[in-house]
Amino acid sequence: MTDDSEKTLMSFPSMGDTSTAFRFTPGKTTVNEDDESIEEAEAGALVGTVVVFVRYTTAAGDLEPSLTALGRMMADRAQQAQNGSTPSATAPF
């Protein structure tokens, strides 16, 4: 999923058949134009025969709600496609 960065498992709701999420610290310190530290996390889920991964990067410091919304959207879209429906799930922000 990530490079050699330090990874920490994070709480993540169950999605698809199985799912997991990690918070990680990039191998080098990354800052934005306001000199704020950037945080990153990624989640993966197996949905039927499809594996989805989502990476979220923010300087706001609260990764879980956004990562969960994006992960849920991707898992729902994967399931919709496998059910023969046009993927229409969205992520509420």
C-alpha atoms as a PDB file:
ATOM      1  CA  MET A   1       0.000   0.000   0.000  1.00  0.00           C
ATOM      2  CA  THR A   2       2.558   2.602   0.981  1.00  0.00           C
ATOM      3  CA  ASP A   3       6.296   2.894   0.678  1.00  0.00           C
ATOM      4  CA  ASP A   4       8.601   2.433   3.673  1.00  0.00           C
ATOM      5  CA  SER A   5       6.719   5.062   5.698  1.00  0.00           C
ATOM      6  CA  GLU A   6       5.731   4.339   9.275  1.00  0.00           C
ATOM      7  CA  LYS A   7       2.181   2.936   9.244  1.00  0.00           C
ATOM      8  CA  THR A   8      -0.351   2.800  12.063  1.00  0.00           C
ATOM      9  CA  LEU A   9      -3.608   0.876  11.854  1.00  0.00           C
ATOM     10  CA  MET A  10      -6.570   3.180  12.308  1.00  0.00           C
ATOM     11  CA  SER A  11     -10.156   2.549  13.271  1.00  0.00           C
ATOM     12  CA  PHE A  12     -12.241   2.103  10.152  1.00  0.00           C
ATOM     13  CA  PRO A  13     -15.789   0.836   9.665  1.00  0.00           C
ATOM     14  CA  SER A  14     -16.222  -2.492   7.900  1.00  0.00           C
ATOM     15  CA  MET A  15     -16.679  -2.087   4.150  1.00  0.00           C
ATOM     16  CA  GLY A  16     -17.154  -4.726   1.494  1.00  0.00           C
ATOM     17  CA  ASP A  17     -16.060  -8.257   2.307  1.00  0.00           C
ATOM     18  CA  THR A  18     -13.017  -7.086   4.250  1.00  0.00           C
ATOM     19  CA  SER A  19     -11.328  -3.736   4.778  1.00  0.00           C
ATOM     20  CA  THR A  20      -8.467  -2.042   6.569  1.00  0.00           C
ATOM     21  CA  ALA A  21      -7.026   1.450   6.937  1.00  0.00           C
ATOM     22  CA  PHE A  22      -3.648   2.911   7.840  1.00  0.00           C
ATOM     23  CA  ARG A  23      -2.475   6.346   8.906  1.00  0.00           C
ATOM     24  CA  PHE A  24       1.099   6.991   7.904  1.00  0.00           C
ATOM     25  CA  THR A  25       3.865   9.502   8.115  1.00  0.00           C
ATOM     26  CA  PRO A  26       5.565  10.170   4.808  1.00  0.00           C
ATOM     27  CA  GLY A  27       9.241   9.242   4.667  1.00  0.00           C
ATOM     28  CA  LYS A  28      10.083  12.936   4.585  1.00  0.00           C
ATOM     29  CA  THR A  29       8.321  15.849   6.230  1.00  0.00           C
ATOM     30  CA  THR A  30       5.878  17.429   3.815  1.00  0.00           C
ATOM     31  CA  VAL A  31       4.415  20.873   4.353  1.00  0.00           C
ATOM     32  CA  ASN A  32       2.017  22.976   2.346  1.00  0.00           C
ATOM     33  CA  GLU A  33       2.313  26.652   1.438  1.00  0.00           C
ATOM     34  CA  ASP A  34       1.073  27.624   4.948  1.00  0.00           C
ATOM     35  CA  ASP A  35       3.827  25.499   6.522  1.00  0.00           C
ATOM     36  CA  GLU A  36       1.277  23.036   7.954  1.00  0.00           C
ATOM     37  CA  SER A  37       2.181  19.377   8.292  1.00  0.00           C
ATOM     38  CA  ILE A  38       0.453  17.087   5.853  1.00  0.00           C
ATOM     39  CA  GLU A  39      -1.190  13.905   7.157  1.00  0.00           C
ATOM     40  CA  GLU A  40      -1.984  10.916   4.982  1.00  0.00           C
ATOM     41  CA  ALA A  41      -4.030   7.757   5.310  1.00  0.00           C
ATOM     42  CA  GLU A  42      -5.221   5.046   3.000  1.00  0.00           C
ATOM     43  CA  ALA A  43      -7.895   2.415   3.116  1.00  0.00           C
ATOM     44  CA  GLY A  44      -8.412  -0.746   1.149  1.00  0.00           C
ATOM     45  CA  ALA A  45     -11.425  -2.985   0.758  1.00  0.00           C
ATOM     46  CA  LEU A  46     -12.238  -6.203  -1.033  1.00  0.00           C
ATOM     47  CA  VAL A  47     -15.703  -5.961  -2.582  1.00  0.00           C
ATOM     48  CA  GLY A  48     -16.630  -9.183  -4.343  1.00  0.00           C
ATOM     49  CA  THR A  49     -13.919  -9.557  -6.991  1.00  0.00           C
ATOM     50  CA  VAL A  50     -12.769  -5.930  -6.861  1.00  0.00           C
ATOM     51  CA  VAL A  51     -10.074  -4.445  -4.628  1.00  0.00           C
ATOM     52  CA  VAL A  52     -10.342  -0.689  -4.021  1.00  0.00           C
ATOM     53  CA  PHE A  53      -7.772   1.595  -2.428  1.00  0.00           C
ATOM     54  CA  VAL A  54      -8.258   5.207  -1.426  1.00  0.00           C
ATOM     55  CA  ARG A  55      -5.552   7.590  -0.214  1.00  0.00           C
ATOM     56  CA  TYR A  56      -6.480  10.849   1.499  1.00  0.00           C
ATOM     57  CA  THR A  57      -4.084  13.707   2.242  1.00  0.00           C
ATOM     58  CA  THR A  58      -4.942  16.725   4.386  1.00  0.00           C
ATOM     59  CA  ALA A  59      -3.466  19.513   6.452  1.00  0.00           C
ATOM     60  CA  ALA A  60      -6.688  19.813   8.462  1.00  0.00           C
ATOM     61  CA  GLY A  61      -5.692  16.992  10.808  1.00  0.00           C
ATOM     62  CA  ASP A  62      -8.940  14.985  10.818  1.00  0.00           C
ATOM     63  CA  LEU A  63      -8.489  12.113   8.385  1.00  0.00           C
ATOM     64  CA  GLU A  64     -11.118   9.619   9.532  1.00  0.00           C
ATOM     65  CA  PRO A  65     -14.393  11.234   8.367  1.00  0.00           C
ATOM     66  CA  SER A  66     -13.142  12.028   4.876  1.00  0.00           C
ATOM     67  CA  LEU A  67     -11.305   8.737   4.401  1.00  0.00           C
ATOM     68  CA  THR A  68     -14.407   6.856   5.572  1.00  0.00           C
ATOM     69  CA  ALA A  69     -16.666   8.790   3.173  1.00  0.00           C
ATOM     70  CA  LEU A  70     -14.344   8.179   0.217  1.00  0.00           C
ATOM     71  CA  GLY A  71     -13.819   4.523   1.129  1.00  0.00           C
ATOM     72  CA  ARG A  72     -17.562   3.940   1.472  1.00  0.00           C
ATOM     73  CA  MET A  73     -18.189   5.607  -1.891  1.00  0.00           C
ATOM     74  CA  MET A  74     -15.586   3.445  -3.646  1.00  0.00           C
ATOM     75  CA  ALA A  75     -16.863   0.234  -2.009  1.00  0.00           C
ATOM     76  CA  ASP A  76     -20.472   1.096  -2.893  1.00  0.00           C
ATOM     77  CA  ARG A  77     -19.526   1.914  -6.505  1.00  0.00           C
ATOM     78  CA  ALA A  78     -17.624  -1.361  -6.834  1.00  0.00           C
ATOM     79  CA  GLN A  79     -20.667  -3.260  -5.556  1.00  0.00           C
ATOM     80  CA  GLN A  80     -23.046  -1.347  -7.829  1.00  0.00           C
ATOM     81  CA  ALA A  81     -20.898  -2.147 -10.878  1.00  0.00           C
ATOM     82  CA  GLN A  82     -20.745  -5.834  -9.969  1.00  0.00           C
ATOM     83  CA  ASN A  83     -24.526  -5.872  -9.558  1.00  0.00           C
ATOM     84  CA  GLY A  84     -24.857  -4.568 -13.130  1.00  0.00           C
ATOM     85  CA  SER A  85     -25.942  -1.070 -12.080  1.00  0.00           C
ATOM     86  CA  THR A  86     -24.368   2.182 -13.166  1.00  0.00           C
ATOM     87  CA  PRO A  87     -22.120   3.263 -10.261  1.00  0.00           C
ATOM     88  CA  SER A  88     -23.793   6.283  -8.656  1.00  0.00           C
ATOM     89  CA  ALA A  89     -22.608   6.360  -5.021  1.00  0.00           C
ATOM     90  CA  THR A  90     -21.262   9.718  -3.864  1.00  0.00           C
ATOM     91  CA  ALA A  91     -19.181  10.889  -0.913  1.00  0.00           C
ATOM     92  CA  PRO A  92     -20.848  13.455   1.355  1.00  0.00           C
ATOM     93  CA  PHE A  93     -18.548  16.328   2.360  1.00  0.00           C
END
